[in-house]
Amino acid sequence: MNFEKFLLEAVDESLSWLGESAKQTIYFHLETEYNISQQDIPYRIEDFTEAIEDIFGLGAKLLEIKIMKNLFTKMGYLQPHFHTQQSLEFIKYIESARNHGIRPFTLVACSRQWNKSVLG
């Protein structure tokens, strides 16, 4: 399985957390208002992030964390843990995950060290 497929599944599962009809409404809104199809999400992560933040406001952080947890679990990380903090940058986490490739490796349960290495 490739990164893009993992990300699509992580997004889909995270949106399902909001309920099936909400998920379908969000996909419809992404496509009609932001011209982002479901299949485009991995290739337009910045646009997707901007759209989600526009739709959900500050609540987008919770959805972004849910997506990251689902993605990292699919990639083989053990118990990824994220804190809701101002420095959390969804795009940087996703790009870092993409750049590391799909290979399981151990990540400390608390993401503080991950934050330092990724966000500097």
PDB file of N, CA and C in Angstrom:
ATOM      1  N   MET A   1       0.851  -1.178   0.000  1.00  0.00           N
ATOM      2  CA  MET A   1       0.000   0.000   0.000  1.00  0.00           C
ATOM      3  C   MET A   1       0.895   1.238   0.000  1.00  0.00           C
ATOM      4  N   ASN A   2       0.496   2.274  -0.725  1.00  0.00           N
ATOM      5  CA  ASN A   2       1.319   3.472  -0.782  1.00  0.00           C
ATOM      6  C   ASN A   2       0.794   4.564   0.153  1.00  0.00           C
ATOM      7  N   PHE A   3       1.598   5.603   0.302  1.00  0.00           N
ATOM      8  CA  PHE A   3       1.274   6.684   1.219  1.00  0.00           C
ATOM      9  C   PHE A   3      -0.081   7.317   0.887  1.00  0.00           C
ATOM     10  N   GLU A   4      -0.315   7.584  -0.389  1.00  0.00           N
ATOM     11  CA  GLU A   4      -1.551   8.250  -0.788  1.00  0.00           C
ATOM     12  C   GLU A   4      -2.781   7.442  -0.374  1.00  0.00           C
ATOM     13  N   LYS A   5      -2.708   6.127  -0.531  1.00  0.00           N
ATOM     14  CA  LYS A   5      -3.837   5.271  -0.133  1.00  0.00           C
ATOM     15  C   LYS A   5      -4.024   5.306   1.384  1.00  0.00           C
ATOM     16  N   PHE A   6      -2.922   5.251   2.133  1.00  0.00           N
ATOM     17  CA  PHE A   6      -3.011   5.362   3.592  1.00  0.00           C
ATOM     18  C   PHE A   6      -3.665   6.683   3.990  1.00  0.00           C
ATOM     19  N   LEU A   7      -3.246   7.770   3.352  1.00  0.00           N
ATOM     20  CA  LEU A   7      -3.787   9.082   3.698  1.00  0.00           C
ATOM     21  C   LEU A   7      -5.275   9.164   3.361  1.00  0.00           C
ATOM     22  N   LEU A   8      -5.666   8.672   2.190  1.00  0.00           N
ATOM     23  CA  LEU A   8      -7.089   8.677   1.821  1.00  0.00           C
ATOM     24  C   LEU A   8      -7.928   7.898   2.825  1.00  0.00           C
ATOM     25  N   GLU A   9      -7.440   6.740   3.234  1.00  0.00           N
ATOM     26  CA  GLU A   9      -8.166   5.935   4.223  1.00  0.00           C
ATOM     27  C   GLU A   9      -8.227   6.648   5.568  1.00  0.00           C
ATOM     28  N   ALA A  10      -7.123   7.285   5.969  1.00  0.00           N
ATOM     29  CA  ALA A  10      -7.092   7.998   7.251  1.00  0.00           C
ATOM     30  C   ALA A  10      -8.081   9.159   7.250  1.00  0.00           C
ATOM     31  N   VAL A  11      -8.141   9.900   6.148  1.00  0.00           N
ATOM     32  CA  VAL A  11      -9.088  11.009   6.037  1.00  0.00           C
ATOM     33  C   VAL A  11     -10.515  10.475   6.076  1.00  0.00           C
ATOM     34  N   ASP A  12     -10.787   9.433   5.306  1.00  0.00           N
ATOM     35  CA  ASP A  12     -12.134   8.869   5.241  1.00  0.00           C
ATOM     36  C   ASP A  12     -12.595   8.361   6.608  1.00  0.00           C
ATOM     37  N   GLU A  13     -11.730   7.634   7.302  1.00  0.00           N
ATOM     38  CA  GLU A  13     -12.075   7.128   8.636  1.00  0.00           C
ATOM     39  C   GLU A  13     -12.284   8.273   9.620  1.00  0.00           C
ATOM     40  N   SER A  14     -11.479   9.317   9.497  1.00  0.00           N
ATOM     41  CA  SER A  14     -11.603  10.456  10.409  1.00  0.00           C
ATOM     42  C   SER A  14     -12.891  11.219  10.159  1.00  0.00           C
ATOM     43  N   LEU A  15     -13.257  11.393   8.897  1.00  0.00           N
ATOM     44  CA  LEU A  15     -14.522  12.061   8.594  1.00  0.00           C
ATOM     45  C   LEU A  15     -15.712  11.201   9.011  1.00  0.00           C
ATOM     46  N   SER A  16     -15.564   9.893   8.967  1.00  0.00           N
ATOM     47  CA  SER A  16     -16.631   8.985   9.419  1.00  0.00           C
ATOM     48  C   SER A  16     -16.921   9.177  10.896  1.00  0.00           C
ATOM     49  N   TRP A  17     -15.930   9.622  11.639  1.00  0.00           N
ATOM     50  CA  TRP A  17     -16.057   9.931  13.062  1.00  0.00           C
ATOM     51  C   TRP A  17     -17.182  10.949  13.275  1.00  0.00           C
ATOM     52  N   LEU A  18     -17.433  11.791  12.257  1.00  0.00           N
ATOM     53  CA  LEU A  18     -18.472  12.821  12.345  1.00  0.00           C
ATOM     54  C   LEU A  18     -19.848  12.303  11.932  1.00  0.00           C
ATOM     55  N   GLY A  19     -19.888  11.073  11.418  1.00  0.00           N
ATOM     56  CA  GLY A  19     -21.133  10.487  10.929  1.00  0.00           C
ATOM     57  C   GLY A  19     -21.111  10.395   9.411  1.00  0.00           C
ATOM     58  N   GLU A  20     -21.796   9.392   8.886  1.00  0.00           N
ATOM     59  CA  GLU A  20     -21.763   9.127   7.438  1.00  0.00           C
ATOM     60  C   GLU A  20     -22.325  10.284   6.625  1.00  0.00           C
ATOM     61  N   SER A  21     -23.455  10.858   7.052  1.00  0.00           N
ATOM     62  CA  SER A  21     -24.036  11.946   6.257  1.00  0.00           C
ATOM     63  C   SER A  21     -23.165  13.196   6.328  1.00  0.00           C
ATOM     64  N   ALA A  22     -22.559  13.462   7.480  1.00  0.00           N
ATOM     65  CA  ALA A  22     -21.642  14.605   7.593  1.00  0.00           C
ATOM     66  C   ALA A  22     -20.434  14.396   6.685  1.00  0.00           C
ATOM     67  N   LYS A  23     -19.908  13.180   6.666  1.00  0.00           N
ATOM     68  CA  LYS A  23     -18.756  12.867   5.816  1.00  0.00           C
ATOM     69  C   LYS A  23     -19.088  13.128   4.347  1.00  0.00           C
ATOM     70  N   GLN A  24     -20.236  12.626   3.890  1.00  0.00           N
ATOM     71  CA  GLN A  24     -20.624  12.818   2.490  1.00  0.00           C
ATOM     72  C   GLN A  24     -20.840  14.299   2.171  1.00  0.00           C
ATOM     73  N   THR A  25     -21.405  15.041   3.123  1.00  0.00           N
ATOM     74  CA  THR A  25     -21.608  16.480   2.938  1.00  0.00           C
ATOM     75  C   THR A  25     -20.275  17.204   2.821  1.00  0.00           C
ATOM     76  N   ILE A  26     -19.307  16.819   3.641  1.00  0.00           N
ATOM     77  CA  ILE A  26     -17.986  17.450   3.594  1.00  0.00           C
ATOM     78  C   ILE A  26     -17.306  17.157   2.262  1.00  0.00           C
ATOM     79  N   TYR A  27     -17.343  15.908   1.808  1.00  0.00           N
ATOM     80  CA  TYR A  27     -16.758  15.575   0.498  1.00  0.00           C
ATOM     81  C   TYR A  27     -17.430  16.384  -0.616  1.00  0.00           C
ATOM     82  N   PHE A  28     -18.760  16.483  -0.563  1.00  0.00           N
ATOM     83  CA  PHE A  28     -19.498  17.256  -1.565  1.00  0.00           C
ATOM     84  C   PHE A  28     -19.067  18.720  -1.526  1.00  0.00           C
ATOM     85  N   HIS A  29     -18.963  19.273  -0.320  1.00  0.00           N
ATOM     86  CA  HIS A  29     -18.569  20.674  -0.145  1.00  0.00           C
ATOM     87  C   HIS A  29     -17.131  20.897  -0.630  1.00  0.00           C
ATOM     88  N   LEU A  30     -16.238  19.958  -0.325  1.00  0.00           N
ATOM     89  CA  LEU A  30     -14.853  20.074  -0.800  1.00  0.00           C
ATOM     90  C   LEU A  30     -14.812  20.118  -2.326  1.00  0.00           C
ATOM     91  N   GLU A  31     -15.633  19.282  -2.943  1.00  0.00           N
ATOM     92  CA  GLU A  31     -15.618  19.212  -4.411  1.00  0.00           C
ATOM     93  C   GLU A  31     -16.271  20.439  -5.047  1.00  0.00           C
ATOM     94  N   THR A  32     -17.416  20.857  -4.529  1.00  0.00           N
ATOM     95  CA  THR A  32     -18.143  21.959  -5.169  1.00  0.00           C
ATOM     96  C   THR A  32     -17.601  23.338  -4.809  1.00  0.00           C
ATOM     97  N   GLU A  33     -17.198  23.528  -3.578  1.00  0.00           N
ATOM     98  CA  GLU A  33     -16.740  24.851  -3.141  1.00  0.00           C
ATOM     99  C   GLU A  33     -15.231  25.058  -3.285  1.00  0.00           C
ATOM    100  N   TYR A  34     -14.468  23.976  -3.179  1.00  0.00           N
ATOM    101  CA  TYR A  34     -13.003  24.096  -3.188  1.00  0.00           C
ATOM    102  C   TYR A  34     -12.352  23.351  -4.357  1.00  0.00           C
ATOM    103  N   ASN A  35     -13.173  22.693  -5.176  1.00  0.00           N
ATOM    104  CA  ASN A  35     -12.674  21.938  -6.335  1.00  0.00           C
ATOM    105  C   ASN A  35     -11.626  20.894  -5.942  1.00  0.00           C
ATOM    106  N   ILE A  36     -11.867  20.225  -4.806  1.00  0.00           N
ATOM    107  CA  ILE A  36     -10.969  19.172  -4.318  1.00  0.00           C
ATOM    108  C   ILE A  36     -11.771  17.872  -4.261  1.00  0.00           C
ATOM    109  N   SER A  37     -11.450  16.951  -5.161  1.00  0.00           N
ATOM    110  CA  SER A  37     -12.119  15.651  -5.111  1.00  0.00           C
ATOM    111  C   SER A  37     -11.481  14.813  -4.006  1.00  0.00           C
ATOM    112  N   GLN A  38     -12.174  13.787  -3.602  1.00  0.00           N
ATOM    113  CA  GLN A  38     -11.639  12.901  -2.564  1.00  0.00           C
ATOM    114  C   GLN A  38     -10.283  12.341  -2.992  1.00  0.00           C
ATOM    115  N   GLN A  39     -10.153  11.956  -4.252  1.00  0.00           N
ATOM    116  CA  GLN A  39      -8.901  11.369  -4.746  1.00  0.00           C
ATOM    117  C   GLN A  39      -7.773  12.392  -4.854  1.00  0.00           C
ATOM    118  N   ASP A  40      -8.110  13.694  -4.890  1.00  0.00           N
ATOM    119  CA  ASP A  40      -7.094  14.755  -4.982  1.00  0.00           C
ATOM    120  C   ASP A  40      -6.428  15.067  -3.647  1.00  0.00           C
ATOM    121  N   ILE A  41      -7.043  14.679  -2.551  1.00  0.00           N
ATOM    122  CA  ILE A  41      -6.582  15.102  -1.224  1.00  0.00           C
ATOM    123  C   ILE A  41      -5.093  14.856  -0.995  1.00  0.00           C
ATOM    124  N   PRO A  42      -4.550  13.679  -1.277  1.00  0.00           N
ATOM    125  CA  PRO A  42      -3.118  13.466  -1.004  1.00  0.00           C
ATOM    126  C   PRO A  42      -2.194  14.376  -1.818  1.00  0.00           C
ATOM    127  N   TYR A  43      -2.676  14.839  -2.965  1.00  0.00           N
ATOM    128  CA  TYR A  43      -1.850  15.658  -3.848  1.00  0.00           C
ATOM    129  C   TYR A  43      -2.086  17.150  -3.639  1.00  0.00           C
ATOM    130  N   ARG A  44      -3.118  17.471  -2.875  1.00  0.00           N
ATOM    131  CA  ARG A  44      -3.458  18.878  -2.616  1.00  0.00           C
ATOM    132  C   ARG A  44      -3.666  19.080  -1.118  1.00  0.00           C
ATOM    133  N   ILE A  45      -2.715  18.588  -0.343  1.00  0.00           N
ATOM    134  CA  ILE A  45      -2.871  18.598   1.113  1.00  0.00           C
ATOM    135  C   ILE A  45      -2.973  20.018   1.673  1.00  0.00           C
ATOM    136  N   GLU A  46      -2.255  20.974   1.076  1.00  0.00           N
ATOM    137  CA  GLU A  46      -2.355  22.356   1.560  1.00  0.00           C
ATOM    138  C   GLU A  46      -3.747  22.921   1.300  1.00  0.00           C
ATOM    139  N   ASP A  47      -4.287  22.680   0.102  1.00  0.00           N
ATOM    140  CA  ASP A  47      -5.644  23.144  -0.212  1.00  0.00           C
ATOM    141  C   ASP A  47      -6.677  22.453   0.674  1.00  0.00           C
ATOM    142  N   PHE A  48      -6.498  21.151   0.878  1.00  0.00           N
ATOM    143  CA  PHE A  48      -7.403  20.393   1.746  1.00  0.00           C
ATOM    144  C   PHE A  48      -7.379  20.962   3.164  1.00  0.00           C
ATOM    145  N   THR A  49      -6.184  21.222   3.673  1.00  0.00           N
ATOM    146  CA  THR A  49      -6.044  21.762   5.027  1.00  0.00           C
ATOM    147  C   THR A  49      -6.718  23.119   5.139  1.00  0.00           C
ATOM    148  N   GLU A  50      -6.494  23.970   4.155  1.00  0.00           N
ATOM    149  CA  GLU A  50      -7.119  25.293   4.154  1.00  0.00           C
ATOM    150  C   GLU A  50      -8.647  25.170   4.126  1.00  0.00           C
ATOM    151  N   ALA A  51      -9.160  24.259   3.311  1.00  0.00           N
ATOM    152  CA  ALA A  51     -10.611  24.058   3.226  1.00  0.00           C
ATOM    153  C   ALA A  51     -11.178  23.556   4.550  1.00  0.00           C
ATOM    154  N   ILE A  52     -10.524  22.570   5.148  1.00  0.00           N
ATOM    155  CA  ILE A  52     -10.988  22.019   6.427  1.00  0.00           C
ATOM    156  C   ILE A  52     -10.967  23.098   7.509  1.00  0.00           C
ATOM    157  N   GLU A  53      -9.908  23.914   7.515  1.00  0.00           N
ATOM    158  CA  GLU A  53      -9.824  24.986   8.510  1.00  0.00           C
ATOM    159  C   GLU A  53     -10.880  26.048   8.251  1.00  0.00           C
ATOM    160  N   ASP A  54     -11.199  26.282   6.984  1.00  0.00           N
ATOM    161  CA  ASP A  54     -12.255  27.229   6.640  1.00  0.00           C
ATOM    162  C   ASP A  54     -13.622  26.692   7.081  1.00  0.00           C
ATOM    163  N   ILE A  55     -13.856  25.417   6.857  1.00  0.00           N
ATOM    164  CA  ILE A  55     -15.139  24.795   7.199  1.00  0.00           C
ATOM    165  C   ILE A  55     -15.325  24.687   8.713  1.00  0.00           C
ATOM    166  N   PHE A  56     -14.294  24.229   9.430  1.00  0.00           N
ATOM    167  CA  PHE A  56     -14.431  23.917  10.855  1.00  0.00           C
ATOM    168  C   PHE A  56     -13.840  24.957  11.799  1.00  0.00           C
ATOM    169  N   GLY A  57     -13.131  25.936  11.292  1.00  0.00           N
ATOM    170  CA  GLY A  57     -12.510  26.928  12.162  1.00  0.00           C
ATOM    171  C   GLY A  57     -11.520  26.266  13.106  1.00  0.00           C
ATOM    172  N   LEU A  58     -11.525  26.675  14.358  1.00  0.00           N
ATOM    173  CA  LEU A  58     -10.593  26.114  15.340  1.00  0.00           C
ATOM    174  C   LEU A  58     -10.819  24.623  15.565  1.00  0.00           C
ATOM    175  N   GLY A  59     -12.030  24.154  15.315  1.00  0.00           N
ATOM    176  CA  GLY A  59     -12.338  22.734  15.464  1.00  0.00           C
ATOM    177  C   GLY A  59     -11.598  21.852  14.468  1.00  0.00           C
ATOM    178  N   ALA A  60     -11.023  22.448  13.433  1.00  0.00           N
ATOM    179  CA  ALA A  60     -10.271  21.676  12.436  1.00  0.00           C
ATOM    180  C   ALA A  60      -9.086  20.963  13.069  1.00  0.00           C
ATOM    181  N   LYS A  61      -8.506  21.539  14.114  1.00  0.00           N
ATOM    182  CA  LYS A  61      -7.350  20.911  14.775  1.00  0.00           C
ATOM    183  C   LYS A  61      -7.697  19.509  15.272  1.00  0.00           C
ATOM    184  N   LEU A  62      -8.888  19.341  15.828  1.00  0.00           N
ATOM    185  CA  LEU A  62      -9.291  18.017  16.320  1.00  0.00           C
ATOM    186  C   LEU A  62      -9.382  17.009  15.182  1.00  0.00           C
ATOM    187  N   LEU A  63      -9.937  17.439  14.058  1.00  0.00           N
ATOM    188  CA  LEU A  63     -10.029  16.553  12.899  1.00  0.00           C
ATOM    189  C   LEU A  63      -8.634  16.248  12.345  1.00  0.00           C
ATOM    190  N   GLU A  64      -7.766  17.248  12.300  1.00  0.00           N
ATOM    191  CA  GLU A  64      -6.399  17.041  11.816  1.00  0.00           C
ATOM    192  C   GLU A  64      -5.655  16.037  12.696  1.00  0.00           C
ATOM    193  N   ILE A  65      -5.825  16.145  13.998  1.00  0.00           N
ATOM    194  CA  ILE A  65      -5.183  15.201  14.923  1.00  0.00           C
ATOM    195  C   ILE A  65      -5.722  13.796  14.685  1.00  0.00           C
ATOM    196  N   LYS A  66      -7.030  13.685  14.494  1.00  0.00           N
ATOM    197  CA  LYS A  66      -7.641  12.375  14.216  1.00  0.00           C
ATOM    198  C   LYS A  66      -7.065  11.781  12.926  1.00  0.00           C
ATOM    199  N   ILE A  67      -6.919  12.589  11.900  1.00  0.00           N
ATOM    200  CA  ILE A  67      -6.343  12.124  10.632  1.00  0.00           C
ATOM    201  C   ILE A  67      -4.909  11.660  10.847  1.00  0.00           C
ATOM    202  N   MET A  68      -4.114  12.445  11.571  1.00  0.00           N
ATOM    203  CA  MET A  68      -2.714  12.074  11.810  1.00  0.00           C
ATOM    204  C   MET A  68      -2.611  10.774  12.593  1.00  0.00           C
ATOM    205  N   LYS A  69      -3.435  10.626  13.620  1.00  0.00           N
ATOM    206  CA  LYS A  69      -3.408   9.381  14.398  1.00  0.00           C
ATOM    207  C   LYS A  69      -3.741   8.186  13.516  1.00  0.00           C
ATOM    208  N   ASN A  70      -4.790   8.322  12.716  1.00  0.00           N
ATOM    209  CA  ASN A  70      -5.176   7.228  11.821  1.00  0.00           C
ATOM    210  C   ASN A  70      -4.083   6.935  10.798  1.00  0.00           C
ATOM    211  N   LEU A  71      -3.504   7.979  10.232  1.00  0.00           N
ATOM    212  CA  LEU A  71      -2.445   7.801   9.235  1.00  0.00           C
ATOM    213  C   LEU A  71      -1.236   7.109   9.841  1.00  0.00           C
ATOM    214  N   PHE A  72      -0.780   7.599  10.978  1.00  0.00           N
ATOM    215  CA  PHE A  72       0.432   7.044  11.577  1.00  0.00           C
ATOM    216  C   PHE A  72       0.211   5.614  12.049  1.00  0.00           C
ATOM    217  N   THR A  73      -0.996   5.295  12.499  1.00  0.00           N
ATOM    218  CA  THR A  73      -1.301   3.916  12.875  1.00  0.00           C
ATOM    219  C   THR A  73      -1.217   3.015  11.642  1.00  0.00           C
ATOM    220  N   LYS A  74      -1.761   3.476  10.523  1.00  0.00           N
ATOM    221  CA  LYS A  74      -1.698   2.702   9.281  1.00  0.00           C
ATOM    222  C   LYS A  74      -0.257   2.505   8.810  1.00  0.00           C
ATOM    223  N   MET A  75       0.597   3.474   9.121  1.00  0.00           N
ATOM    224  CA  MET A  75       1.998   3.412   8.696  1.00  0.00           C
ATOM    225  C   MET A  75       2.854   2.562   9.629  1.00  0.00           C
ATOM    226  N   GLY A  76       2.261   2.094  10.725  1.00  0.00           N
ATOM    227  CA  GLY A  76       2.992   1.200  11.606  1.00  0.00           C
ATOM    228  C   GLY A  76       3.571   1.836  12.849  1.00  0.00           C
ATOM    229  N   TYR A  77       3.223   3.086  13.113  1.00  0.00           N
ATOM    230  CA  TYR A  77       3.687   3.721  14.340  1.00  0.00           C
ATOM    231  C   TYR A  77       2.944   3.107  15.517  1.00  0.00           C
ATOM    232  N   LEU A  78       3.619   2.965  16.622  1.00  0.00           N
ATOM    233  CA  LEU A  78       3.001   2.407  17.816  1.00  0.00           C
ATOM    234  C   LEU A  78       2.429   3.520  18.678  1.00  0.00           C
ATOM    235  N   GLN A  79       1.165   3.468  18.927  1.00  0.00           N
ATOM    236  CA  GLN A  79       0.463   4.399  19.807  1.00  0.00           C
ATOM    237  C   GLN A  79       0.851   5.853  19.581  1.00  0.00           C
ATOM    238  N   PRO A  80       0.627   6.396  18.388  1.00  0.00           N
ATOM    239  CA  PRO A  80       0.939   7.812  18.199  1.00  0.00           C
ATOM    240  C   PRO A  80       0.093   8.656  19.139  1.00  0.00           C
ATOM    241  N   HIS A  81       0.687   9.667  19.707  1.00  0.00           N
ATOM    242  CA  HIS A  81       0.006  10.521  20.673  1.00  0.00           C
ATOM    243  C   HIS A  81       0.283  11.967  20.298  1.00  0.00           C
ATOM    244  N   PHE A  82      -0.749  12.761  20.175  1.00  0.00           N
ATOM    245  CA  PHE A  82      -0.596  14.153  19.795  1.00  0.00           C
ATOM    246  C   PHE A  82      -1.237  15.030  20.855  1.00  0.00           C
ATOM    247  N   HIS A  83      -0.659  16.167  21.040  1.00  0.00           N
ATOM    248  CA  HIS A  83      -1.204  17.135  21.982  1.00  0.00           C
ATOM    249  C   HIS A  83      -1.855  18.256  21.183  1.00  0.00           C
ATOM    250  N   THR A  84      -2.961  18.789  21.683  1.00  0.00           N
ATOM    251  CA  THR A  84      -3.562  19.936  21.017  1.00  0.00           C
ATOM    252  C   THR A  84      -2.794  21.163  21.473  1.00  0.00           C
ATOM    253  N   GLN A  85      -1.914  21.609  20.625  1.00  0.00           N
ATOM    254  CA  GLN A  85      -1.090  22.763  20.954  1.00  0.00           C
ATOM    255  C   GLN A  85      -1.042  23.691  19.756  1.00  0.00           C
ATOM    256  N   GLN A  86      -0.740  24.935  20.006  1.00  0.00           N
ATOM    257  CA  GLN A  86      -0.729  25.933  18.946  1.00  0.00           C
ATOM    258  C   GLN A  86       0.316  25.627  17.880  1.00  0.00           C
ATOM    259  N   SER A  87       1.433  24.997  18.255  1.00  0.00           N
ATOM    260  CA  SER A  87       2.518  24.771  17.302  1.00  0.00           C
ATOM    261  C   SER A  87       2.240  23.608  16.351  1.00  0.00           C
ATOM    262  N   LEU A  88       1.153  22.901  16.558  1.00  0.00           N
ATOM    263  CA  LEU A  88       0.833  21.768  15.701  1.00  0.00           C
ATOM    264  C   LEU A  88       0.551  22.252  14.280  1.00  0.00           C
ATOM    265  N   GLU A  89       1.325  21.763  13.326  1.00  0.00           N
ATOM    266  CA  GLU A  89       1.123  22.130  11.934  1.00  0.00           C
ATOM    267  C   GLU A  89       0.863  20.867  11.134  1.00  0.00           C
ATOM    268  N   PHE A  90      -0.380  20.667  10.782  1.00  0.00           N
ATOM    269  CA  PHE A  90      -0.838  19.471  10.096  1.00  0.00           C
ATOM    270  C   PHE A  90      -0.027  19.190   8.832  1.00  0.00           C
ATOM    271  N   ILE A  91       0.171  20.204   8.018  1.00  0.00           N
ATOM    272  CA  ILE A  91       0.870  20.015   6.744  1.00  0.00           C
ATOM    273  C   ILE A  91       2.279  19.485   6.973  1.00  0.00           C
ATOM    274  N   LYS A  92       2.973  19.999   7.998  1.00  0.00           N
ATOM    275  CA  LYS A  92       4.337  19.528   8.271  1.00  0.00           C
ATOM    276  C   LYS A  92       4.344  18.067   8.703  1.00  0.00           C
ATOM    277  N   TYR A  93       3.378  17.669   9.504  1.00  0.00           N
ATOM    278  CA  TYR A  93       3.286  16.261   9.910  1.00  0.00           C
ATOM    279  C   TYR A  93       3.049  15.366   8.692  1.00  0.00           C
ATOM    280  N   ILE A  94       2.130  15.768   7.831  1.00  0.00           N
ATOM    281  CA  ILE A  94       1.802  14.954   6.659  1.00  0.00           C
ATOM    282  C   ILE A  94       2.996  14.868   5.716  1.00  0.00           C
ATOM    283  N   GLU A  95       3.644  15.995   5.452  1.00  0.00           N
ATOM    284  CA  GLU A  95       4.801  15.982   4.551  1.00  0.00           C
ATOM    285  C   GLU A  95       5.950  15.166   5.132  1.00  0.00           C
ATOM    286  N   SER A  96       6.148  15.256   6.429  1.00  0.00           N
ATOM    287  CA  SER A  96       7.197  14.459   7.057  1.00  0.00           C
ATOM    288  C   SER A  96       6.887  12.973   6.937  1.00  0.00           C
ATOM    289  N   ALA A  97       5.628  12.608   7.153  1.00  0.00           N
ATOM    290  CA  ALA A  97       5.224  11.202   7.015  1.00  0.00           C
ATOM    291  C   ALA A  97       5.432  10.739   5.576  1.00  0.00           C
ATOM    292  N   ARG A  98       5.094  11.592   4.622  1.00  0.00           N
ATOM    293  CA  ARG A  98       5.271  11.250   3.204  1.00  0.00           C
ATOM    294  C   ARG A  98       6.757  11.051   2.898  1.00  0.00           C
ATOM    295  N   ASN A  99       7.606  11.930   3.417  1.00  0.00           N
ATOM    296  CA  ASN A  99       9.045  11.881   3.129  1.00  0.00           C
ATOM    297  C   ASN A  99       9.741  10.696   3.778  1.00  0.00           C
ATOM    298  N   HIS A 100       9.203  10.210   4.902  1.00  0.00           N
ATOM    299  CA  HIS A 100       9.821   9.062   5.568  1.00  0.00           C
ATOM    300  C   HIS A 100       9.457   7.751   4.889  1.00  0.00           C
ATOM    301  N   GLY A 101       8.488   7.779   4.003  1.00  0.00           N
ATOM    302  CA  GLY A 101       8.079   6.565   3.309  1.00  0.00           C
ATOM    303  C   GLY A 101       7.257   5.662   4.205  1.00  0.00           C
ATOM    304  N   ILE A 102       6.782   4.604   3.642  1.00  0.00           N
ATOM    305  CA  ILE A 102       5.954   3.658   4.371  1.00  0.00           C
ATOM    306  C   ILE A 102       6.851   2.554   4.901  1.00  0.00           C
ATOM    307  N   ARG A 103       7.297   2.739   6.100  1.00  0.00           N
ATOM    308  CA  ARG A 103       8.103   1.712   6.746  1.00  0.00           C
ATOM    309  C   ARG A 103       7.865   1.811   8.241  1.00  0.00           C
ATOM    310  N   PRO A 104       7.477   0.734   8.857  1.00  0.00           N
ATOM    311  CA  PRO A 104       7.225   0.772  10.296  1.00  0.00           C
ATOM    312  C   PRO A 104       8.513   1.034  11.065  1.00  0.00           C
ATOM    313  N   PHE A 105       8.451   1.890  12.021  1.00  0.00           N
ATOM    314  CA  PHE A 105       9.542   2.064  12.956  1.00  0.00           C
ATOM    315  C   PHE A 105       8.979   2.580  14.264  1.00  0.00           C
ATOM    316  N   THR A 106       9.738   2.409  15.300  1.00  0.00           N
ATOM    317  CA  THR A 106       9.245   2.757  16.627  1.00  0.00           C
ATOM    318  C   THR A 106       9.287   4.258  16.835  1.00  0.00           C
ATOM    319  N   LEU A 107       8.222   4.778  17.340  1.00  0.00           N
ATOM    320  CA  LEU A 107       8.108   6.184  17.676  1.00  0.00           C
ATOM    321  C   LEU A 107       7.728   6.239  19.145  1.00  0.00           C
ATOM    322  N   VAL A 108       8.392   7.098  19.909  1.00  0.00           N
ATOM    323  CA  VAL A 108       8.049   7.180  21.325  1.00  0.00           C
ATOM    324  C   VAL A 108       6.568   7.505  21.458  1.00  0.00           C
ATOM    325  N   ALA A 109       5.961   6.980  22.490  1.00  0.00           N
ATOM    326  CA  ALA A 109       4.519   7.135  22.669  1.00  0.00           C
ATOM    327  C   ALA A 109       4.116   8.598  22.726  1.00  0.00           C
ATOM    328  N   CYS A 110       4.920   9.415  23.323  1.00  0.00           N
ATOM    329  CA  CYS A 110       4.630  10.840  23.392  1.00  0.00           C
ATOM    330  C   CYS A 110       5.347  11.522  22.236  1.00  0.00           C
ATOM    331  N   SER A 111       4.672  12.405  21.534  1.00  0.00           N
ATOM    332  CA  SER A 111       5.232  12.959  20.311  1.00  0.00           C
ATOM    333  C   SER A 111       6.149  14.154  20.543  1.00  0.00           C
ATOM    334  N   ARG A 112       6.524  14.447  21.774  1.00  0.00           N
ATOM    335  CA  ARG A 112       7.378  15.607  22.008  1.00  0.00           C
ATOM    336  C   ARG A 112       8.665  15.538  21.209  1.00  0.00           C
ATOM    337  N   GLN A 113       9.333  14.392  21.211  1.00  0.00           N
ATOM    338  CA  GLN A 113      10.565  14.268  20.439  1.00  0.00           C
ATOM    339  C   GLN A 113      10.270  14.377  18.953  1.00  0.00           C
ATOM    340  N   TRP A 114       9.162  13.812  18.506  1.00  0.00           N
ATOM    341  CA  TRP A 114       8.766  13.909  17.099  1.00  0.00           C
ATOM    342  C   TRP A 114       8.528  15.369  16.741  1.00  0.00           C
ATOM    343  N   ASN A 115       7.825  16.112  17.609  1.00  0.00           N
ATOM    344  CA  ASN A 115       7.584  17.529  17.366  1.00  0.00           C
ATOM    345  C   ASN A 115       8.892  18.278  17.190  1.00  0.00           C
ATOM    346  N   LYS A 116       9.863  18.008  18.062  1.00  0.00           N
ATOM    347  CA  LYS A 116      11.143  18.700  17.988  1.00  0.00           C
ATOM    348  C   LYS A 116      11.858  18.396  16.686  1.00  0.00           C
ATOM    349  N   SER A 117      11.860  17.139  16.269  1.00  0.00           N
ATOM    350  CA  SER A 117      12.590  16.782  15.058  1.00  0.00           C
ATOM    351  C   SER A 117      11.885  17.268  13.796  1.00  0.00           C
ATOM    352  N   VAL A 118      10.569  17.305  13.807  1.00  0.00           N
ATOM    353  CA  VAL A 118       9.826  17.697  12.612  1.00  0.00           C
ATOM    354  C   VAL A 118       9.622  19.200  12.550  1.00  0.00           C
ATOM    355  N   LEU A 119       9.231  19.789  13.665  1.00  0.00           N
ATOM    356  CA  LEU A 119       8.882  21.206  13.676  1.00  0.00           C
ATOM    357  C   LEU A 119      10.042  22.112  14.061  1.00  0.00           C
ATOM    358  N   GLY A 120      11.122  21.523  14.536  1.00  0.00           N
ATOM    359  CA  GLY A 120      12.320  22.286  14.878  1.00  0.00           C
ATOM    360  C   GLY A 120      12.206  23.111  16.059  1.00  0.00           C
TER     361      GLY A 120
END
